[in-house]
Protein backbone atom coordinates (compact mmCIF):
# COMPACT_ATOMS: atom_id res chain seq x y z
CA MET A 1 31.61 68.98 -31.67
CA HIS A 2 33.81 66.22 -28.43
CA LEU A 3 31.00 63.96 -28.33
CA THR A 4 30.51 63.34 -32.44
CA ARG A 5 34.28 61.59 -31.86
CA GLY A 6 33.99 60.35 -28.20
CA LEU A 7 32.06 57.90 -29.50
CA LYS A 8 34.71 56.54 -32.49
CA ALA A 9 37.43 56.71 -30.41
CA ALA A 10 35.59 54.95 -27.57
CA GLY A 11 35.25 52.02 -29.53
CA LYS A 12 38.75 52.01 -30.67
CA GLU A 13 39.77 52.12 -27.05
CA SER A 14 37.75 49.26 -25.92
CA GLY A 15 39.61 47.46 -28.81
CA GLN A 16 43.13 48.04 -27.88
CA ILE A 17 42.00 47.53 -23.93
CA VAL A 18 40.21 43.71 -25.28
CA VAL A 19 44.62 43.16 -27.06
CA ILE A 20 45.75 44.61 -24.08
CA LEU A 21 44.21 42.32 -21.46
CA ALA A 22 44.96 39.34 -24.00
CA LEU A 23 48.19 39.78 -23.82
CA LEU A 24 48.73 40.86 -19.99
CA LEU A 25 46.10 37.30 -19.11
CA PRO A 26 48.97 34.59 -19.17
CA LEU A 27 51.39 37.06 -17.33
CA LEU A 28 48.57 37.88 -14.38
CA MET A 29 47.96 33.99 -15.21
CA LEU A 30 51.32 33.36 -14.11
CA PHE A 31 52.10 35.49 -10.94
CA THR A 32 48.38 34.11 -9.63
CA GLY A 33 49.90 30.47 -10.01
CA PHE A 34 53.27 31.62 -8.63
CA ALA A 35 51.81 33.02 -5.03
CA ILE A 36 49.17 29.86 -5.01
CA ASP A 37 52.18 27.45 -5.45
CA PHE A 38 54.21 30.09 -3.19
CA GLY A 39 51.66 29.74 -0.51
CA PHE A 40 51.26 26.16 -0.53
CA ALA A 41 55.34 25.93 0.19
CA PHE A 42 54.83 28.29 2.78
CA LEU A 43 52.39 25.66 4.50
CA ALA A 44 54.76 23.32 4.27
CA LYS A 45 57.50 25.17 5.48
CA ALA A 46 54.76 25.47 8.52
CA GLU A 47 53.88 22.35 9.04
CA LEU A 48 57.74 21.25 9.20
CA ALA A 49 58.61 23.39 10.94
CA LYS A 50 56.35 22.33 13.68
CA GLY A 51 57.30 18.98 13.26
CA CYS A 52 60.76 19.68 13.81
CA ASP A 53 60.68 21.64 16.56
CA GLY A 54 59.05 19.10 18.13
CA ALA A 55 60.86 15.76 17.07
CA ASN A 56 63.76 17.64 18.40
CA LEU A 57 62.54 18.47 21.35
CA GLU A 58 61.36 14.70 21.91
CA THR A 59 65.13 13.45 20.70
CA MET A 60 66.94 16.46 23.49
CA LEU A 61 65.16 14.95 25.95
CA ASN A 62 65.64 11.29 25.28
CA TYR A 63 69.35 11.99 24.69
CA GLY A 64 70.48 10.34 28.06
CA LEU A 65 68.69 6.94 26.78
CA GLY A 66 71.17 6.73 23.45
CA PRO A 67 71.91 8.97 19.85
CA THR A 68 70.15 5.62 18.20
CA LYS A 69 67.14 5.36 20.15
CA ALA A 70 66.68 9.19 21.13
CA LYS A 71 66.81 9.55 17.36
CA ALA A 72 64.11 7.11 16.97
CA VAL A 73 62.20 8.69 19.69
CA GLY A 74 62.62 12.09 16.93
CA GLN A 75 61.53 10.37 14.06
CA SER A 76 58.62 9.38 15.39
CA VAL A 77 56.95 12.58 17.01
CA PHE A 78 58.03 14.43 13.37
CA ALA A 79 55.81 11.58 11.73
CA LEU A 80 53.10 12.49 14.30
CA ASN A 81 53.63 16.43 13.57
CA TYR A 82 54.41 16.53 9.38
CA LYS A 83 51.55 14.32 8.05
CA GLY A 84 52.33 12.68 4.66
CA ASP A 85 49.95 13.59 2.03
CA PRO A 86 50.42 11.95 -1.53
CA ILE A 87 47.97 14.48 -2.95
CA PHE A 88 50.44 17.51 -1.41
CA ASN A 89 53.58 16.30 -0.79
CA ALA A 90 55.50 14.68 -4.08
CA SER A 91 57.40 12.34 -1.76
CA PRO A 92 57.51 11.76 1.48
CA PRO A 93 58.90 14.42 4.11
CA THR A 94 62.44 13.38 5.98
CA ALA A 95 63.59 14.59 9.21
CA SER A 96 67.64 13.85 10.04
CA PHE A 97 69.27 14.48 13.92
CA THR A 98 72.60 15.31 14.40
CA PHE A 99 74.02 15.76 17.92
CA SER A 100 76.85 18.22 18.95
CA THR A 101 78.24 20.92 21.94
CA ASP A 102 78.32 23.76 22.12
CA GLY A 103 81.24 26.59 23.48
CA SER A 104 80.03 25.56 27.16
CA GLY A 105 80.12 21.72 26.53
CA ASN A 106 76.04 22.04 26.74
CA PRO A 107 74.43 19.40 23.98
CA ILE A 108 73.10 20.71 21.14
CA CYS A 109 70.64 18.60 18.63
CA SER A 110 70.08 19.44 15.27
CA CYS A 111 67.45 18.75 13.33
CA THR A 112 67.00 19.19 8.98
CA ALA A 113 63.57 18.13 7.94
CA THR A 114 63.10 18.49 3.83
CA ALA A 115 59.32 17.82 1.92
CA LYS A 116 59.08 17.87 -1.51
CA ILE A 117 55.65 19.26 -3.12
CA HIS A 118 53.45 19.26 -5.92
CA THR A 119 52.37 22.72 -7.74
CA PHE A 120 49.14 23.00 -9.56
CA PHE A 121 49.80 26.62 -11.37
CA ILE A 122 53.42 26.68 -12.62
CA ARG A 123 53.82 22.86 -13.59
CA LEU A 124 52.01 24.25 -16.54
CA MET A 125 56.08 26.31 -17.47
CA GLY A 126 57.56 23.07 -16.73
CA ILE A 127 57.93 23.94 -12.41
CA SER A 128 56.17 20.20 -10.99
CA THR A 129 57.85 19.90 -7.85
CA LEU A 130 58.70 22.35 -5.25
CA ASN A 131 61.46 21.96 -2.36
CA VAL A 132 60.85 23.18 1.08
CA SER A 133 63.21 22.32 4.24
CA ASP A 134 63.58 24.05 8.17
CA VAL A 135 66.58 23.60 10.41
CA SER A 136 66.04 23.85 14.34
CA GLN A 137 68.31 23.39 17.16
CA ALA A 138 67.35 22.17 20.87
CA THR A 139 69.38 22.48 23.84
CA ARG A 140 69.42 22.26 27.48
CA PRO A 141 72.30 23.45 29.68
CA PRO A 142 73.91 20.43 32.50
CA VAL A 143 71.89 19.10 35.61
CA ILE A 144 73.22 18.24 38.74
CA LEU A 145 70.61 16.11 40.77
CA SER A 146 70.39 14.36 44.01
CA LEU A 147 67.41 11.52 44.18
CA VAL A 148 66.51 11.34 47.97
CA LEU A 149 64.31 7.91 48.33
CA ASP A 150 62.80 6.61 51.31
CA ARG A 151 63.76 3.15 52.23
CA THR A 152 61.52 3.34 55.52
CA GLY A 153 59.88 -0.59 56.61
CA SER A 154 56.36 0.50 55.03
CA MET A 155 58.09 0.10 51.16
CA ASN A 156 58.08 -3.90 52.03
CA GLY A 157 54.25 -3.59 52.68
CA ASN A 158 52.85 -1.55 49.87
CA GLY A 159 55.33 -2.80 47.03
CA GLY A 160 57.08 -0.16 46.90
CA ALA A 161 60.40 -1.99 48.25
CA ALA A 162 59.94 -4.25 44.50
CA ALA A 163 58.63 -0.90 42.45
CA LEU A 164 61.33 1.49 43.52
CA PRO A 165 64.39 -0.67 41.71
CA GLY A 166 63.29 -0.22 37.97
CA ALA A 167 61.37 3.07 38.70
CA VAL A 168 64.94 5.05 39.37
CA SER A 169 66.67 2.59 36.09
CA ASP A 170 64.36 4.38 34.17
CA PHE A 171 64.68 7.92 35.55
CA ASP A 172 67.99 7.85 35.48
CA GLN A 173 68.59 6.89 31.63
CA TYR A 174 67.11 10.22 30.62
CA PHE A 175 70.27 12.16 31.88
CA ILE A 176 73.43 12.27 30.52
CA GLN A 177 76.31 10.78 31.43
CA GLY A 178 79.65 13.02 30.85
CA THR A 179 77.20 15.98 31.04
CA ASP A 180 74.75 15.55 34.07
CA GLU A 181 75.70 14.83 37.18
CA LEU A 182 73.73 12.89 39.46
CA GLY A 183 73.42 11.46 43.21
CA GLN A 184 71.45 9.85 45.47
CA VAL A 185 70.71 8.99 48.83
CA SER A 186 68.36 7.47 51.27
CA PHE A 187 67.09 7.85 54.23
CA ALA A 188 64.83 5.77 56.99
CA TRP A 189 65.75 6.80 60.91
CA SER A 190 68.97 9.07 59.14
CA GLY A 191 70.05 9.97 55.46
CA THR A 192 72.90 8.42 54.01
CA ASN A 193 75.10 8.99 51.10
CA ASP A 194 74.93 6.15 49.04
CA VAL A 195 76.20 7.52 45.14
CA PRO A 196 78.19 10.33 45.90
CA MET A 197 77.56 12.44 43.34
CA THR A 198 79.16 11.32 39.76
CA LYS A 199 79.24 11.93 35.72
CA THR A 200 78.92 8.19 35.32
CA PHE A 201 75.86 7.94 37.76
CA ILE A 202 73.73 4.57 35.32
CA ALA A 203 75.21 1.79 36.78
CA PRO A 204 76.50 3.79 40.51
CA ILE A 205 72.82 4.59 41.04
CA ASP A 206 71.37 1.30 39.45
CA ALA A 207 73.58 -0.85 41.99
CA SER A 208 72.49 1.24 45.50
CA VAL A 209 68.36 0.57 44.29
CA ASN A 210 68.96 -2.72 44.13
CA ARG A 211 70.41 -3.51 46.43
CA MET A 212 68.94 -1.48 49.57
CA THR A 213 67.39 -2.90 52.99
CA PHE A 214 63.67 -0.94 53.50
CA THR A 215 63.60 -0.51 57.23
CA ASP A 216 63.00 1.06 60.47
CA GLY A 217 60.89 4.64 60.62
CA THR A 218 60.99 8.45 58.42
CA TYR A 219 62.47 11.14 59.26
CA SER A 220 62.24 12.78 55.71
CA MET A 221 64.42 16.04 57.12
CA SER A 222 67.61 13.74 56.85
CA GLY A 223 67.21 12.88 53.32
CA LEU A 224 66.85 16.37 51.95
CA GLN A 225 69.47 17.39 54.39
CA ASP A 226 72.46 14.93 52.62
CA GLY A 227 70.51 15.76 49.01
CA TYR A 228 71.44 19.43 50.18
CA THR A 229 75.05 18.32 50.82
CA GLN A 230 75.31 16.52 47.68
CA ILE A 231 74.76 19.29 45.05
CA THR A 232 76.39 21.71 47.27
CA GLY A 233 79.26 20.22 47.60
CA VAL A 234 80.36 20.02 43.37
CA VAL A 235 83.10 22.19 42.82
CA SER A 236 83.30 24.77 39.90
CA PRO A 237 79.64 23.84 38.45
CA PRO A 238 79.32 25.13 34.90
CA ALA A 239 77.30 29.00 35.58
CA ASN A 240 74.27 27.59 33.67
CA THR A 241 74.03 24.84 35.90
CA VAL A 242 70.18 24.14 37.29
CA LYS A 243 70.13 21.38 40.27
CA VAL A 244 67.62 20.03 41.27
CA VAL A 245 66.36 17.60 43.92
CA VAL A 246 63.81 15.01 43.22
CA PHE A 247 62.26 13.67 47.07
CA PHE A 248 60.78 10.06 47.32
CA THR A 249 58.90 9.25 50.13
CA ASP A 250 55.52 6.85 51.19
CA GLY A 251 54.04 8.36 54.31
CA TRP A 252 53.93 10.23 56.46
CA ASP A 253 56.79 12.06 58.36
CA ASN A 254 57.05 10.45 62.01
CA THR A 255 60.53 11.14 63.78
CA ILE A 256 62.31 14.34 64.72
CA GLN A 257 65.36 15.85 66.39
CA ALA A 258 64.41 17.13 69.39
CA SER A 259 65.38 17.52 73.16
CA LEU A 260 63.91 15.86 76.06
CA PRO A 261 63.16 17.89 78.72
CA SER A 262 64.48 14.73 80.89
CA PRO A 263 66.82 14.66 83.57
CA THR A 264 68.50 11.64 82.05
CA ALA A 265 68.18 12.19 78.31
CA SER A 266 70.27 16.00 78.07
CA ASN A 267 70.92 15.75 74.37
CA LYS A 268 68.82 15.62 71.48
CA VAL A 269 67.62 12.32 70.20
CA LEU A 270 65.74 10.66 67.57
CA VAL A 271 61.97 11.15 68.55
CA GLU A 272 59.90 8.34 65.81
CA PHE A 273 56.37 8.25 67.45
CA GLY A 274 54.86 5.09 64.74
CA GLY A 275 51.54 3.04 63.96
CA ASP A 276 48.65 4.23 62.21
CA ALA A 277 48.10 7.29 59.97
CA ALA A 278 49.02 10.42 61.30
CA THR A 279 45.49 11.60 61.94
CA THR A 280 43.90 8.74 63.71
CA GLY A 281 44.06 8.82 67.32
CA PHE A 282 45.70 6.29 69.90
CA ASP A 283 46.01 2.84 69.19
CA GLU A 284 47.61 -0.44 70.77
CA GLY A 285 49.14 -0.09 67.90
CA ASP A 286 51.07 2.77 68.48
CA TYR A 287 54.96 2.74 69.24
CA LEU A 288 57.22 5.58 70.56
CA THR A 289 61.06 5.30 70.23
CA PHE A 290 63.84 7.59 71.32
CA ILE A 291 66.52 7.28 68.93
CA ASP A 292 70.84 7.80 69.14
CA PRO A 293 71.58 10.25 66.14
CA ASN A 294 75.00 9.59 66.44
CA ASN A 295 74.48 5.37 66.30
CA VAL A 296 74.03 5.36 62.38
CA GLY A 297 74.87 1.51 62.20
CA LEU A 298 71.03 0.99 62.36
CA ASN A 299 70.06 4.14 59.62
CA ASN A 300 71.61 1.93 57.43
CA GLY A 301 69.80 -0.87 57.35
CA GLN A 302 72.01 -3.23 59.25
CA GLY A 303 68.60 -4.38 61.48
CA ASN A 304 67.35 -3.02 64.86
CA GLY A 305 68.35 -3.49 67.89
CA ASN A 306 70.98 -0.84 69.00
CA GLY A 307 71.48 2.89 69.58
CA PHE A 308 68.35 2.99 71.77
CA TYR A 309 67.48 5.45 74.74
CA GLY A 310 68.09 3.49 77.74
CA ALA A 311 68.47 4.03 81.64
CA ASN A 312 71.98 6.28 81.30
CA ALA A 313 71.75 9.76 80.99
CA SER A 314 73.83 9.38 78.03
CA PRO A 315 72.90 7.05 74.45
CA ASN A 316 73.85 3.38 75.47
CA THR A 317 72.70 0.16 72.90
CA THR A 318 70.44 -0.88 76.40
CA VAL A 319 67.10 -1.61 74.58
CA THR A 320 64.92 -0.50 78.08
CA CYS A 321 62.70 2.57 76.04
CA GLU A 322 61.42 0.11 72.42
CA ASP A 323 62.91 -3.61 71.90
CA GLY A 324 64.14 -2.65 68.57
CA GLY A 325 61.38 -3.78 66.65
CA ASN A 326 61.04 -7.51 67.82
CA GLY A 327 57.46 -7.38 69.28
CA PHE A 328 56.38 -3.38 69.39
CA ARG A 329 55.51 -2.65 72.97
CA PRO A 330 52.27 -0.39 72.18
CA TYR A 331 52.13 3.14 73.02
CA SER A 332 50.09 2.50 75.76
CA SER A 333 51.97 0.78 78.01
CA MET A 334 54.83 3.00 77.70
CA GLN A 335 54.36 6.92 76.77
CA TYR A 336 57.36 8.33 77.67
CA CYS A 337 60.77 7.37 78.20
CA ASN A 338 63.42 7.57 81.73
CA GLY A 339 60.53 10.98 82.55
CA ALA A 340 60.48 12.25 78.81
CA LYS A 341 56.58 13.33 78.39
CA LYS A 342 57.62 16.00 76.44
CA PHE A 343 59.61 17.04 73.55
CA THR A 344 61.39 20.69 72.60
CA PRO A 345 60.73 22.06 69.37
CA ILE A 346 63.78 22.16 66.90
CA LEU A 347 62.60 25.70 64.98
CA GLY A 348 62.23 27.24 68.40
CA SER A 349 59.91 30.53 68.14
CA ALA A 350 59.20 29.77 64.25
CA ASP A 351 57.94 26.16 64.58
CA PRO A 352 54.45 26.56 64.83
CA LEU A 353 54.39 24.75 67.95
CA GLY A 354 56.09 27.01 70.03
CA ALA A 355 59.66 26.97 71.40
CA SER A 356 58.34 25.58 74.72
CA PRO A 357 58.54 22.12 75.41
CA VAL A 358 54.91 20.23 74.39
CA SER A 359 53.39 16.50 74.63
CA ILE A 360 55.38 13.93 72.46
CA ASN A 361 52.37 12.97 70.98
CA ARG A 362 52.27 11.27 67.45
CA ILE A 363 50.02 14.96 66.27
CA ASN A 364 52.48 17.30 67.22
CA ILE A 365 55.73 14.71 66.11
CA THR A 366 53.91 14.92 62.78
CA GLN A 367 53.33 18.54 63.30
CA ASP A 368 57.32 19.47 63.79
CA ALA A 369 58.25 16.37 61.22
CA GLU A 370 56.35 18.42 58.29
CA TYR A 371 56.78 21.98 59.31
CA SER A 372 60.91 21.19 59.14
CA THR A 373 60.91 19.42 56.64
CA ILE A 374 59.42 22.41 54.46
CA GLN A 375 61.71 25.13 55.76
CA PHE A 376 64.72 23.37 55.16
CA ALA A 377 63.20 22.03 51.24
CA GLU A 378 63.18 26.83 50.60
CA THR A 379 66.19 26.96 52.17
CA MET A 380 67.27 25.00 49.01
CA ARG A 381 65.01 26.45 47.01
CA ALA A 382 66.78 29.78 48.10
CA GLN A 383 69.83 28.82 46.98
CA GLY A 384 68.22 28.43 43.82
CA ILE A 385 67.50 24.07 43.97
CA THR A 386 64.34 23.14 42.74
CA VAL A 387 62.52 20.13 44.00
CA TYR A 388 60.31 18.17 42.52
CA SER A 389 58.59 15.08 44.73
CA ILE A 390 56.85 11.66 44.41
CA GLY A 391 54.30 10.06 46.39
CA LEU A 392 53.43 6.07 46.84
CA GLY A 393 50.02 5.14 48.38
CA ASN A 394 46.54 6.40 48.82
CA ASP A 395 47.90 7.51 53.06
CA ILE A 396 49.92 10.19 52.10
CA ASP A 397 49.67 14.01 52.95
CA GLN A 398 49.38 15.48 49.13
CA THR A 399 50.08 19.25 50.80
CA TYR A 400 52.80 18.77 52.51
CA LEU A 401 54.80 17.16 49.24
CA GLN A 402 52.78 20.29 47.19
CA GLU A 403 55.03 22.45 50.14
CA ILE A 404 57.90 20.92 49.40
CA ALA A 405 57.93 21.15 46.04
CA ASN A 406 56.63 25.05 45.34
CA ASP A 407 54.16 23.02 42.94
CA PRO A 408 51.57 25.50 41.82
CA ALA A 409 48.80 23.95 43.17
CA SER A 410 50.37 24.36 47.08
CA PRO A 411 48.28 26.59 49.34
CA THR A 412 52.08 28.77 50.16
CA TYR A 413 52.93 28.47 46.43
CA ASN A 414 55.78 31.10 46.12
CA ALA A 415 56.45 32.29 42.46
CA SER A 416 59.11 33.49 43.40
CA GLU A 417 60.80 30.91 44.42
CA PRO A 418 61.77 27.75 41.87
CA THR A 419 58.27 25.95 41.21
CA GLY A 420 58.29 22.34 41.35
CA LEU A 421 56.23 19.75 40.80
CA ALA A 422 54.28 17.16 43.82
CA LEU A 423 53.34 13.69 41.74
CA PHE A 424 51.45 11.26 43.13
CA ALA A 425 51.66 6.92 42.94
CA PRO A 426 48.53 5.67 44.00
CA ARG A 427 49.84 1.74 43.46
CA ALA A 428 53.63 0.70 43.29
CA THR A 429 52.88 -0.35 39.65
CA ASP A 430 52.32 3.63 38.88
CA LEU A 431 55.61 4.31 40.51
CA ASN A 432 58.05 3.92 37.13
CA SER A 433 55.14 6.36 35.47
CA ALA A 434 55.45 8.83 38.11
CA PHE A 435 59.64 9.20 38.04
CA GLN A 436 59.46 9.80 34.49
CA THR A 437 57.13 11.97 34.34
CA VAL A 438 59.04 13.89 36.51
CA ALA A 439 62.32 13.33 35.06
CA GLU A 440 60.15 14.35 31.75
CA LYS A 441 59.47 17.95 33.28
CA ILE A 442 62.03 18.15 34.74
CA LEU A 443 63.87 18.41 31.03
CA LEU A 444 61.12 19.63 29.55
CA ARG A 445 61.97 22.88 31.12
CA LEU A 446 65.33 22.71 30.75
CA THR A 447 64.85 22.31 26.58
CA GLN A 448 64.80 24.70 24.23
């Protein structure tokens, strides 16, 4: 009974399925078209987000150059990230940028990007295009930054003296006047506070570096000390302020402040052992200088000739240990001053040279100078200050600069301290690029 009826019923049901399928097919195609076209819209939005985010970050990074230039950079980056395909896009995508501040006064850059894309299936319903948009924001905290610049005499011979002003001028324009605070110090035999911390920093720093005189030896510790004083001297900075020191030098540390175990020199003096690179032996090009740290006139680029230790027991202006630059007497003819053959390392038992007096020679002085500077940089990091370093020339201790910055490439890198970066410019013509890279690295880490 059931078999006979089954054949007839099956035929009728098949016909019904065909009719239902014919009725539902347009609807199924419509949903498929929506899925495909809106899938394209989703992809377009993802591309807009990528383009807008990248452009927003670059716009914020370049905000110090002024809104017009910053927006132009943002437009270029957006165009690189979102490729306008005429088959896909009904019109070229657009991006616009606006600037504002948040409740804490931090700058904000907002990017609004839009695109109009062609449809492929739902156009049968009269919908030929879809509008897609994305909005993103980028902001960064204010920066307190001290530029610590080498103004030693060797800068005259390697082109650094001529290249430094332009490199610094391009560097400081990355930062936002009125929001960020920048100061500048320089060092040779001593550090000087050339431009105190200010929110209107571009003109004063540019003028300071352009009038800088390059002379004397390298006492890096004094520069970092002055940079630290500048940053910690800022009164009531915003809670989210980022503190940075950018340390620049072109050579080996060859000056320390130490006590001389001598009956005629009881005060602490600056001891410079100059000449060739610190890794070479002693020769006729080497010289030794004992300098009065309290006489800073000669340390401000005002010329040599005063402040050297002489025959008396206290600092004076009689030049007997060194002639102040008018024909240095070689090390072989004057190995010490007034009986001073040794110096006492300044850091005592913590010093790798120990706490007892050691011989005055270039290896010991360089080692003590570098160690004390690295230790002071660590003190700065303990106060939340990030240190970046830039070295000019091929004859430079790269490991030393990496340790000052706590660069990840440093053998003593400490991930629990603020991580900086060491950059190197083999030639003076590379200096501008090195400073710009440091500026970008600083701001890229802050911008979000």
